[in-house]
Amino acid sequence: MNKDNIAVGLDIGTTKIVAMIGKKNEYGKLEILGVGKSKSLGVHRGVVNNITQTIQSIQQAVADAENDSGYKINDVVVGIAGQHIRSIQHSDYISRPNAEEVIGDADIDALIGQVHKLAMLPGEEIIHVLPQEFKIDGQAEIKEPIGMYGGRLESSFHVVVGQAASIRNLGRCIKSAGLELSGLTLEPLASADAVLSQEEKEAGVALIDIGGGTTDLAIFKDGIIRHTAVIPFGGNVITEDIKEGCSIIEKQAELLKTRFGSAWPGENKDNEIVSIPGLRGREPKEISLKNLSKIIHARVVEIIEQVYAEIKLYGHEDPKKKLIAGIVLTGGGAQLQHIKQLVEYITGMDTRIGYPNEHLAGDSNEELSSPLYATAVGLVMNSIRNNTKSATPFVEMKKEEPVVVTRPQVVVEETIVEEEKEEPKATQQITKQETTDDRIKRSFFDKYIDKIKEFLDNAE
């Protein structure tokens, strides 16, 4: 029996669902034990719109990951995105009764607890409360307040907000697929963990994750998250434009985009033509690659301009807020030819493609270092930080008979949510190396998940 902390991330995207099982090796790198991927049905622009189809897609991905790894998945850290996500900046403070006592975890918890009581719009729920810089008795720019003296503890926060119904639907899908929800993370934050270096976060960087249904943005400066946004367009709208513009079916449009597509029309000569088989005995259709690139270019420019508007909204043009490390592109859309050059041309910022291979063990499958898997790798890293044992090995597998794992098909309408027995939670010791941010994530982690479970248990 392997006693390692086995972590599981579940990336529920618009085009694909990825279940990834991993653990840290002796060098602190991420060793991927198994991956399962299925076509995402029932998710539109990052939001669940068909519960039954989403459950089946999750079950397929999870079963594939279990077969691949030999581990049974118990709980998962899930990424959340979608057009309902928004972020706000907020400052708050607490007055401490005894300024002669040093500031401790309880004070940070009290301050964050206060932010969680913020009045939201009807139907909205706070997903993340991310502290930025602290202020003690007027002294600003304090990153680590623990152990200091002071009467008034103040902080600015980056608060990520989403629709409660969307979060509840996601939780229902996880539970109905026979899994427990151990954590919820904003997808651009997970992708940032996987592809950005600490130096880039310090210098100032914008991470653009171009997915199938949405394009996610996360901006870091001085090592702190400063701005997040979700643009409700992604690779799928490019495919849709090709389908309409060339009068072909969606499957052919997707193949054209991935194999021959380019975001820069000037790269293709006028005489470059690709032939597409006709439907049911019809004549083959000839498509000019220059025209194809023009269609892709128009839509990509629209997406990048919307993202750049968000970067300007953050205040990139202010010298103090300048993003020295420029832009990092990741997600499936980052694989589009010449997209890096187009982004540099539109924004005037240095750009690179972000691969999650920096955190992966040396012997990892080459496919896993694709930008496509950035979010899933980030979610596994998140699960490792939470110290959850998310998967256990199958006991005494027979070598001669390969074990095929199938999960029971769940009819959502008949799902009976059983009350879970509360298990005593082990008190987590905080090591000296932990930052305030880590402690905050730990202290609010259990409360937030309990809240989601309570939502699910009370759902009719």
Protein backbone atom coordinates (compact mmCIF):
# COMPACT_ATOMS: atom_id res chain seq x y z
CA MET A 1 0.00 0.00 0.00
CA ASN A 2 1.34 3.39 -0.98
CA LYS A 3 0.99 5.86 1.90
CA ASP A 4 1.75 8.93 -0.20
CA ASN A 5 -0.64 11.85 -0.42
CA ILE A 6 -2.42 11.03 -3.70
CA ALA A 7 -4.14 14.10 -5.16
CA VAL A 8 -6.88 14.38 -7.78
CA GLY A 9 -7.87 17.34 -9.94
CA LEU A 10 -11.02 17.46 -12.09
CA ASP A 11 -11.10 20.04 -14.88
CA ILE A 12 -14.70 20.41 -16.10
CA GLY A 13 -14.33 22.36 -19.33
CA THR A 14 -16.68 23.19 -22.19
CA THR A 15 -14.96 20.87 -24.69
CA LYS A 16 -13.33 18.25 -22.44
CA ILE A 17 -13.38 16.88 -18.89
CA VAL A 18 -10.00 15.79 -17.49
CA ALA A 19 -9.50 13.74 -14.32
CA MET A 20 -5.84 13.69 -13.23
CA ILE A 21 -4.26 11.67 -10.40
CA GLY A 22 -0.83 12.66 -9.12
CA LYS A 23 1.59 12.81 -6.19
CA LYS A 24 4.81 14.61 -5.31
CA ASN A 25 8.01 12.63 -5.91
CA GLU A 26 11.16 12.81 -3.75
CA TYR A 27 12.36 15.86 -5.70
CA GLY A 28 9.16 17.83 -5.04
CA LYS A 29 8.00 17.44 -8.66
CA LEU A 30 4.54 16.28 -9.70
CA GLU A 31 4.37 12.65 -10.79
CA ILE A 32 1.21 11.94 -12.81
CA LEU A 33 -0.14 8.46 -12.01
CA GLY A 34 -3.16 8.47 -14.32
CA VAL A 35 -5.21 10.68 -16.63
CA GLY A 36 -8.75 10.25 -17.93
CA LYS A 37 -10.26 12.46 -20.62
CA SER A 38 -13.80 12.53 -21.98
CA LYS A 39 -15.76 14.78 -24.34
CA SER A 40 -17.62 17.37 -22.28
CA LEU A 41 -21.36 17.15 -22.83
CA GLY A 42 -23.75 19.33 -20.89
CA VAL A 43 -21.37 22.26 -20.25
CA HIS A 44 -21.75 25.57 -22.12
CA ARG A 45 -19.26 28.43 -21.64
CA GLY A 46 -18.03 26.91 -18.39
CA VAL A 47 -21.53 26.50 -16.89
CA VAL A 48 -23.43 23.20 -16.45
CA ASN A 49 -26.61 23.26 -18.56
CA ASN A 50 -27.37 19.52 -18.63
CA ILE A 51 -26.83 17.69 -15.33
CA THR A 52 -27.27 14.11 -16.64
CA GLN A 53 -24.82 14.50 -19.56
CA THR A 54 -22.25 16.22 -17.33
CA ILE A 55 -22.42 13.38 -14.77
CA GLN A 56 -21.88 10.78 -17.51
CA SER A 57 -18.87 12.71 -18.90
CA ILE A 58 -17.37 13.01 -15.39
CA GLN A 59 -17.89 9.28 -14.76
CA GLN A 60 -16.18 8.42 -18.06
CA ALA A 61 -13.13 10.61 -17.33
CA VAL A 62 -12.86 9.32 -13.75
CA ALA A 63 -13.18 5.65 -14.80
CA ASP A 64 -10.43 6.16 -17.44
CA ALA A 65 -8.12 7.79 -14.86
CA GLU A 66 -8.78 4.93 -12.41
CA ASN A 67 -8.01 2.29 -15.05
CA ASP A 68 -4.87 4.17 -16.07
CA SER A 69 -3.53 4.50 -12.53
CA GLY A 70 -4.81 1.54 -10.50
CA TYR A 71 -6.18 3.96 -7.89
CA LYS A 72 -9.78 4.50 -6.83
CA ILE A 73 -10.78 8.19 -6.74
CA ASN A 74 -12.64 9.28 -3.58
CA ASP A 75 -12.66 13.07 -3.76
CA VAL A 76 -11.62 15.78 -6.20
CA VAL A 77 -10.56 19.43 -6.38
CA VAL A 78 -12.68 21.03 -9.11
CA GLY A 79 -11.97 24.08 -11.25
CA ILE A 80 -14.72 26.66 -11.67
CA ALA A 81 -15.04 29.18 -14.52
CA GLY A 82 -17.92 30.58 -16.56
CA GLN A 83 -19.34 33.91 -17.56
CA HIS A 84 -21.01 34.35 -14.15
CA ILE A 85 -17.62 34.82 -12.42
CA ARG A 86 -16.65 38.37 -11.46
CA SER A 87 -14.12 39.89 -9.09
CA ILE A 88 -14.13 42.93 -6.83
CA GLN A 89 -11.53 44.81 -4.80
CA HIS A 90 -12.42 45.36 -1.15
CA SER A 91 -10.67 46.75 1.94
CA ASP A 92 -11.60 45.87 5.51
CA TYR A 93 -10.16 46.13 9.01
CA ILE A 94 -10.58 44.85 12.58
CA SER A 95 -9.72 46.59 15.86
CA ARG A 96 -7.90 44.21 18.18
CA PRO A 97 -8.90 44.31 21.88
CA ASN A 98 -5.28 43.97 23.05
CA ALA A 99 -2.59 45.67 20.98
CA GLU A 100 0.10 44.23 23.31
CA GLU A 101 -0.56 40.70 22.00
CA VAL A 102 1.06 39.57 18.75
CA ILE A 103 -1.15 39.12 15.70
CA GLY A 104 -2.03 35.46 15.15
CA ASP A 105 -4.06 33.19 12.85
CA ALA A 106 -7.27 33.98 14.76
CA ASP A 107 -6.96 37.68 13.84
CA ILE A 108 -6.46 36.87 10.12
CA ASP A 109 -9.45 34.48 10.29
CA ALA A 110 -11.60 37.18 11.92
CA LEU A 111 -10.65 39.71 9.23
CA ILE A 112 -11.43 37.28 6.40
CA GLY A 113 -14.63 36.18 8.13
CA GLN A 114 -15.73 39.80 8.02
CA VAL A 115 -15.17 39.94 4.24
CA HIS A 116 -17.25 36.77 3.80
CA LYS A 117 -20.19 38.67 5.33
CA LEU A 118 -20.13 41.21 2.46
CA ALA A 119 -23.56 41.84 0.95
CA MET A 120 -23.65 40.27 -2.51
CA LEU A 121 -26.15 40.64 -5.35
CA PRO A 122 -29.10 38.20 -5.11
CA GLY A 123 -28.03 34.65 -6.01
CA GLU A 124 -24.29 35.36 -5.75
CA GLU A 125 -21.77 33.56 -3.59
CA ILE A 126 -18.18 34.40 -2.59
CA ILE A 127 -15.77 31.77 -4.01
CA HIS A 128 -12.36 33.15 -2.97
CA VAL A 129 -11.21 35.87 -0.57
CA LEU A 130 -7.58 36.53 -1.51
CA PRO A 131 -5.66 38.94 0.79
CA GLN A 132 -3.27 41.31 -0.97
CA GLU A 133 -1.34 43.61 1.34
CA PHE A 134 -1.85 44.22 5.05
CA LYS A 135 -1.67 47.46 7.02
CA ILE A 136 -1.00 47.57 10.78
CA ASP A 137 -1.74 50.83 12.64
CA GLY A 138 -1.26 52.75 9.40
CA GLN A 139 2.00 51.01 8.42
CA ALA A 140 1.42 49.83 4.83
CA GLU A 141 2.83 47.19 2.47
CA ILE A 142 3.09 44.37 5.03
CA LYS A 143 2.96 40.92 3.39
CA GLU A 144 3.26 38.79 6.58
CA PRO A 145 1.45 40.30 9.61
CA ILE A 146 1.71 37.18 11.82
CA GLY A 147 3.92 37.82 14.88
CA MET A 148 3.69 41.63 14.71
CA TYR A 149 2.12 43.98 17.29
CA GLY A 150 -0.73 46.37 16.53
CA GLY A 151 -4.26 47.47 17.40
CA ARG A 152 -5.79 47.96 13.95
CA LEU A 153 -5.28 45.24 11.33
CA GLU A 154 -6.30 46.24 7.84
CA SER A 155 -6.04 44.54 4.44
CA SER A 156 -7.06 44.92 0.82
CA PHE A 157 -8.73 41.85 -0.69
CA HIS A 158 -9.37 40.41 -4.13
CA VAL A 159 -12.82 38.83 -3.83
CA VAL A 160 -13.98 36.34 -6.49
CA VAL A 161 -17.76 36.00 -6.78
CA GLY A 162 -19.94 33.55 -8.72
CA GLN A 163 -23.57 32.47 -9.10
CA ALA A 164 -24.62 30.21 -6.21
CA ALA A 165 -26.88 28.15 -8.52
CA SER A 166 -23.97 27.37 -10.89
CA ILE A 167 -21.74 26.33 -7.95
CA ARG A 168 -24.55 24.17 -6.55
CA ASN A 169 -25.16 22.48 -9.94
CA LEU A 170 -21.44 21.70 -10.20
CA GLY A 171 -21.48 20.21 -6.69
CA ARG A 172 -24.56 18.14 -7.54
CA CYS A 173 -22.80 16.67 -10.61
CA ILE A 174 -19.74 15.70 -8.53
CA LYS A 175 -21.85 14.07 -5.81
CA SER A 176 -24.13 12.25 -8.26
CA ALA A 177 -21.05 10.88 -10.06
CA GLY A 178 -20.13 9.12 -6.78
CA LEU A 179 -17.38 11.55 -5.71
CA GLU A 180 -16.78 13.97 -2.85
CA LEU A 181 -15.93 17.63 -3.46
CA SER A 182 -12.77 18.45 -1.50
CA GLY A 183 -12.02 21.86 -3.00
CA LEU A 184 -13.16 24.50 -5.46
CA THR A 185 -10.63 26.69 -7.30
CA LEU A 186 -11.01 29.41 -9.88
CA GLU A 187 -9.57 27.92 -13.10
CA PRO A 188 -7.24 30.81 -14.05
CA LEU A 189 -5.67 30.54 -10.56
CA ALA A 190 -5.07 26.80 -11.09
CA SER A 191 -3.57 27.42 -14.54
CA ALA A 192 -1.34 30.16 -13.05
CA ASP A 193 0.03 27.69 -10.46
CA ALA A 194 0.95 25.30 -13.27
CA VAL A 195 2.60 27.64 -15.80
CA LEU A 196 3.86 30.79 -14.06
CA SER A 197 7.14 31.17 -12.17
CA GLN A 198 7.42 33.14 -8.93
CA GLU A 199 9.72 35.64 -10.71
CA GLU A 200 7.00 36.36 -13.30
CA LYS A 201 4.41 36.90 -10.58
CA GLU A 202 6.77 39.32 -8.83
CA ALA A 203 7.60 41.26 -12.02
CA GLY A 204 3.98 41.48 -13.14
CA VAL A 205 2.33 39.09 -15.60
CA ALA A 206 -1.06 38.48 -17.25
CA LEU A 207 -2.05 34.84 -17.71
CA ILE A 208 -4.53 34.28 -20.56
CA ASP A 209 -6.08 30.79 -20.58
CA ILE A 210 -7.94 30.28 -23.89
CA GLY A 211 -10.33 27.38 -23.34
CA GLY A 212 -13.16 25.96 -25.43
CA GLY A 213 -16.00 28.03 -23.97
CA THR A 214 -14.28 30.84 -22.06
CA THR A 215 -11.04 32.81 -21.99
CA ASP A 216 -9.80 33.32 -18.43
CA LEU A 217 -7.50 36.09 -17.24
CA ALA A 218 -5.40 36.33 -14.06
CA ILE A 219 -3.04 39.26 -13.40
CA PHE A 220 -0.22 39.08 -10.84
CA LYS A 221 2.07 41.86 -9.59
CA ASP A 222 4.54 41.80 -6.65
CA GLY A 223 3.68 38.10 -6.20
CA ILE A 224 0.03 38.93 -5.45
CA ILE A 225 -3.14 38.27 -7.49
CA ARG A 226 -4.42 41.68 -8.63
CA HIS A 227 -7.19 41.05 -11.14
CA THR A 228 -9.23 38.14 -12.54
CA ALA A 229 -11.81 38.05 -15.32
CA VAL A 230 -13.68 35.50 -17.45
CA ILE A 231 -14.43 36.42 -21.10
CA PRO A 232 -17.39 34.34 -22.41
CA PHE A 233 -15.64 33.42 -25.70
CA GLY A 234 -13.12 30.71 -26.50
CA GLY A 235 -12.02 28.23 -29.16
CA ASN A 236 -15.59 27.05 -29.80
CA VAL A 237 -16.69 30.37 -31.30
CA ILE A 238 -13.76 30.19 -33.74
CA THR A 239 -14.91 26.69 -34.79
CA GLU A 240 -18.48 27.99 -35.13
CA ASP A 241 -17.29 30.85 -37.39
CA ILE A 242 -15.36 28.40 -39.63
CA LYS A 243 -18.43 26.15 -39.81
CA GLU A 244 -20.66 29.05 -40.90
CA GLY A 245 -18.07 30.77 -43.13
CA CYS A 246 -17.09 27.63 -45.04
CA SER A 247 -20.52 25.86 -44.93
CA ILE A 248 -19.12 22.65 -43.42
CA ILE A 249 -20.01 20.49 -40.41
CA GLU A 250 -18.59 21.20 -36.94
CA LYS A 251 -16.28 18.15 -36.84
CA GLN A 252 -14.62 19.25 -40.11
CA ALA A 253 -14.37 22.86 -38.88
CA GLU A 254 -12.56 21.74 -35.70
CA LEU A 255 -10.12 19.61 -37.72
CA LEU A 256 -9.46 22.47 -40.14
CA LYS A 257 -8.77 24.83 -37.23
CA THR A 258 -6.33 22.52 -35.41
CA ARG A 259 -4.48 21.17 -38.48
CA PHE A 260 -4.35 24.10 -40.90
CA GLY A 261 -5.59 27.10 -38.92
CA SER A 262 -3.44 30.19 -38.33
CA ALA A 263 -4.18 33.45 -36.54
CA TRP A 264 -2.05 35.39 -39.05
CA PRO A 265 -3.52 35.49 -42.63
CA GLY A 266 -0.33 36.88 -44.22
CA GLU A 267 1.39 33.52 -43.64
CA ASN A 268 -0.76 31.69 -46.22
CA LYS A 269 -0.36 31.99 -49.98
CA ASP A 270 -3.44 32.41 -52.19
CA ASN A 271 -2.94 29.06 -53.94
CA GLU A 272 -2.90 26.96 -50.72
CA ILE A 273 -6.12 24.96 -50.78
CA VAL A 274 -7.43 22.08 -48.69
CA SER A 275 -10.12 19.69 -49.97
CA ILE A 276 -12.93 18.57 -47.62
CA PRO A 277 -14.94 15.41 -48.40
CA GLY A 278 -18.56 16.16 -49.38
CA LEU A 279 -21.52 14.80 -47.40
CA ARG A 280 -23.31 11.68 -48.69
CA GLY A 281 -21.79 11.48 -52.16
CA ARG A 282 -21.68 15.24 -52.73
CA GLU A 283 -18.70 16.87 -54.43
CA PRO A 284 -15.65 17.62 -52.22
CA LYS A 285 -15.42 21.24 -51.05
CA GLU A 286 -12.24 23.23 -51.65
CA ILE A 287 -11.28 25.79 -49.02
CA SER A 288 -8.53 28.40 -49.33
CA LEU A 289 -6.22 28.44 -46.29
CA LYS A 290 -5.93 32.23 -46.64
CA ASN A 291 -9.72 32.59 -46.20
CA LEU A 292 -9.62 30.13 -43.28
CA SER A 293 -6.94 32.24 -41.56
CA LYS A 294 -8.95 35.43 -42.15
CA ILE A 295 -11.97 33.89 -40.37
CA ILE A 296 -9.80 32.73 -37.43
CA HIS A 297 -7.91 36.05 -37.30
CA ALA A 298 -11.11 38.13 -37.03
CA ARG A 299 -12.41 36.17 -34.03
CA VAL A 300 -9.05 35.86 -32.23
CA VAL A 301 -8.55 39.64 -32.55
CA GLU A 302 -11.97 40.14 -30.91
CA ILE A 303 -11.09 37.81 -27.99
CA ILE A 304 -7.63 39.36 -27.44
CA GLU A 305 -9.03 42.91 -27.57
CA GLN A 306 -11.57 42.04 -24.85
CA VAL A 307 -8.80 40.57 -22.70
CA TYR A 308 -6.59 43.61 -23.34
CA ALA A 309 -9.47 45.87 -22.22
CA GLU A 310 -9.45 43.98 -18.89
CA ILE A 311 -5.65 44.39 -18.61
CA LYS A 312 -6.11 48.15 -19.14
CA LEU A 313 -8.90 48.14 -16.55
CA TYR A 314 -6.42 46.75 -14.02
CA GLY A 315 -4.22 49.79 -14.80
CA HIS A 316 -1.36 48.29 -16.81
CA GLU A 317 -0.52 51.70 -18.26
CA ASP A 318 0.31 53.08 -14.78
CA PRO A 319 4.14 52.78 -14.34
CA LYS A 320 3.67 51.30 -10.83
CA LYS A 321 1.34 48.60 -12.17
CA LYS A 322 3.34 47.78 -15.31
CA LEU A 323 3.42 44.07 -16.21
CA ILE A 324 7.14 43.63 -16.89
CA ALA A 325 6.86 39.88 -17.64
CA GLY A 326 4.15 40.56 -20.23
CA ILE A 327 1.61 37.89 -21.19
CA VAL A 328 1.61 34.09 -20.84
CA LEU A 329 -0.82 32.19 -23.10
CA THR A 330 -2.09 28.75 -22.11
CA GLY A 331 -5.10 26.45 -22.63
CA GLY A 332 -6.06 24.62 -25.85
CA GLY A 333 -6.39 27.89 -27.80
CA ALA A 334 -2.72 28.71 -27.16
CA GLN A 335 -1.81 25.91 -29.62
CA LEU A 336 -3.20 27.91 -32.56
CA GLN A 337 -0.42 28.80 -35.01
CA HIS A 338 0.98 32.36 -34.84
CA ILE A 339 -1.29 33.35 -31.93
CA LYS A 340 1.76 34.49 -29.92
CA GLN A 341 2.77 36.94 -32.68
CA LEU A 342 -0.80 38.26 -32.99
CA VAL A 343 -1.09 38.87 -29.23
CA GLU A 344 2.26 40.73 -29.24
CA TYR A 345 1.08 42.81 -32.21
CA ILE A 346 -2.26 43.80 -30.59
CA THR A 347 -1.01 44.45 -27.04
CA GLY A 348 2.61 45.46 -27.62
CA MET A 349 3.53 43.19 -24.66
CA ASP A 350 6.10 40.37 -24.56
CA THR A 351 4.30 37.05 -24.91
CA ARG A 352 5.19 33.38 -24.40
CA ILE A 353 3.23 30.11 -24.49
CA GLY A 354 2.84 28.59 -21.00
CA TYR A 355 3.54 24.87 -20.62
CA PRO A 356 2.95 23.05 -17.30
CA ASN A 357 6.16 20.96 -17.70
CA GLU A 358 8.16 22.97 -15.12
CA HIS A 359 6.34 21.26 -12.23
CA LEU A 360 6.12 17.79 -13.81
CA ALA A 361 8.55 14.93 -13.07
CA GLY A 362 11.15 14.32 -15.79
CA ASP A 363 9.70 10.98 -16.93
CA SER A 364 6.17 12.38 -17.49
CA ASN A 365 4.30 11.67 -20.72
CA GLU A 366 5.12 14.39 -23.26
CA GLU A 367 1.42 14.93 -24.00
CA LEU A 368 0.85 16.15 -20.42
CA SER A 369 3.15 19.13 -20.91
CA SER A 370 0.70 20.55 -23.48
CA PRO A 371 -1.03 23.87 -22.58
CA LEU A 372 -4.26 21.83 -22.87
CA TYR A 373 -3.56 20.24 -19.46
CA ALA A 374 -2.42 23.39 -17.60
CA THR A 375 -5.62 23.71 -15.54
CA ALA A 376 -5.73 20.00 -14.61
CA VAL A 377 -2.05 20.05 -13.47
CA GLY A 378 -2.77 23.19 -11.41
CA LEU A 379 -5.78 21.52 -9.75
CA VAL A 380 -3.68 18.48 -8.76
CA MET A 381 -1.07 20.87 -7.26
CA ASN A 382 -3.90 22.58 -5.37
CA SER A 383 -5.14 19.21 -4.06
CA ILE A 384 -1.60 18.32 -2.86
CA ARG A 385 -1.44 21.61 -0.91
CA ASN A 386 -4.74 20.76 0.80
CA ASN A 387 -3.20 17.50 2.11
CA THR A 388 -6.19 15.43 1.03
CA LYS A 389 -5.75 11.71 0.36
CA SER A 390 -8.00 11.78 -2.66
CA ALA A 391 -7.35 8.30 -4.08
CA THR A 392 -6.52 4.87 -2.70
CA PRO A 393 -5.00 1.83 -4.49
CA PHE A 394 -7.34 -0.99 -5.52
CA VAL A 395 -6.76 -3.86 -3.09
CA GLU A 396 -5.21 -7.12 -4.37
CA MET A 397 -5.70 -6.76 -8.10
CA LYS A 398 -5.32 -10.01 -10.05
CA LYS A 399 -2.41 -9.68 -12.47
CA GLU A 400 -3.84 -12.03 -15.06
CA GLU A 401 -7.21 -10.25 -15.25
CA PRO A 402 -7.08 -6.52 -16.02
CA VAL A 403 -9.49 -4.66 -13.75
CA VAL A 404 -11.94 -2.50 -15.66
CA VAL A 405 -13.51 0.19 -13.52
CA THR A 406 -17.00 1.38 -14.27
CA ARG A 407 -18.97 3.78 -12.15
CA PRO A 408 -22.70 3.26 -11.65
CA GLN A 409 -24.87 5.35 -13.95
CA VAL A 410 -26.83 7.77 -11.80
CA VAL A 411 -30.33 8.96 -12.61
CA VAL A 412 -30.29 12.50 -11.28
CA GLU A 413 -34.02 12.73 -10.65
CA GLU A 414 -33.82 9.73 -8.31
CA THR A 415 -30.66 10.75 -6.48
CA ILE A 416 -31.09 10.44 -2.73
CA VAL A 417 -28.57 12.49 -0.82
CA GLU A 418 -27.64 10.61 2.35
CA GLU A 419 -26.57 12.58 5.38
CA GLU A 420 -22.86 12.24 5.80
CA LYS A 421 -21.44 11.27 9.17
CA GLU A 422 -19.21 13.99 10.42
CA GLU A 423 -15.67 12.84 10.80
CA PRO A 424 -13.39 14.56 13.29
CA LYS A 425 -10.92 16.66 11.33
CA ALA A 426 -7.31 16.36 12.34
CA THR A 427 -5.83 19.68 13.43
CA GLN A 428 -3.33 20.74 10.86
CA GLN A 429 0.06 21.82 12.13
CA ILE A 430 1.34 24.95 10.41
CA THR A 431 4.99 24.78 9.45
CA LYS A 432 7.27 27.79 9.75
CA GLN A 433 7.64 28.03 5.99
CA GLU A 434 3.88 28.51 5.43
CA THR A 435 2.79 31.93 4.24
CA THR A 436 -0.26 33.79 5.50
CA ASP A 437 -1.96 32.97 2.19
CA ASP A 438 -1.52 29.21 2.77
CA ARG A 439 -2.87 29.47 6.32
CA ILE A 440 -5.89 31.41 5.11
CA LYS A 441 -6.60 28.86 2.39
CA ARG A 442 -6.46 26.08 5.00
CA SER A 443 -8.64 27.79 7.60
CA PHE A 444 -11.42 28.66 5.17
CA PHE A 445 -11.07 25.55 3.06
CA ASP A 446 -13.18 23.26 5.32
CA LYS A 447 -15.80 25.93 6.04
CA TYR A 448 -16.38 26.61 2.35
CA ILE A 449 -16.70 22.94 1.36
CA ASP A 450 -19.07 22.33 4.31
CA LYS A 451 -21.20 25.21 3.00
CA ILE A 452 -21.41 23.60 -0.48
CA LYS A 453 -22.30 20.22 1.10
CA GLU A 454 -25.01 21.91 3.14
CA PHE A 455 -26.40 23.43 -0.10
CA LEU A 456 -26.53 19.98 -1.67
CA ASP A 457 -28.06 18.25 1.34
CA ASN A 458 -30.81 20.88 1.59
CA ALA A 459 -31.57 20.81 -2.16
CA GLU A 460 -34.96 19.38 -2.93
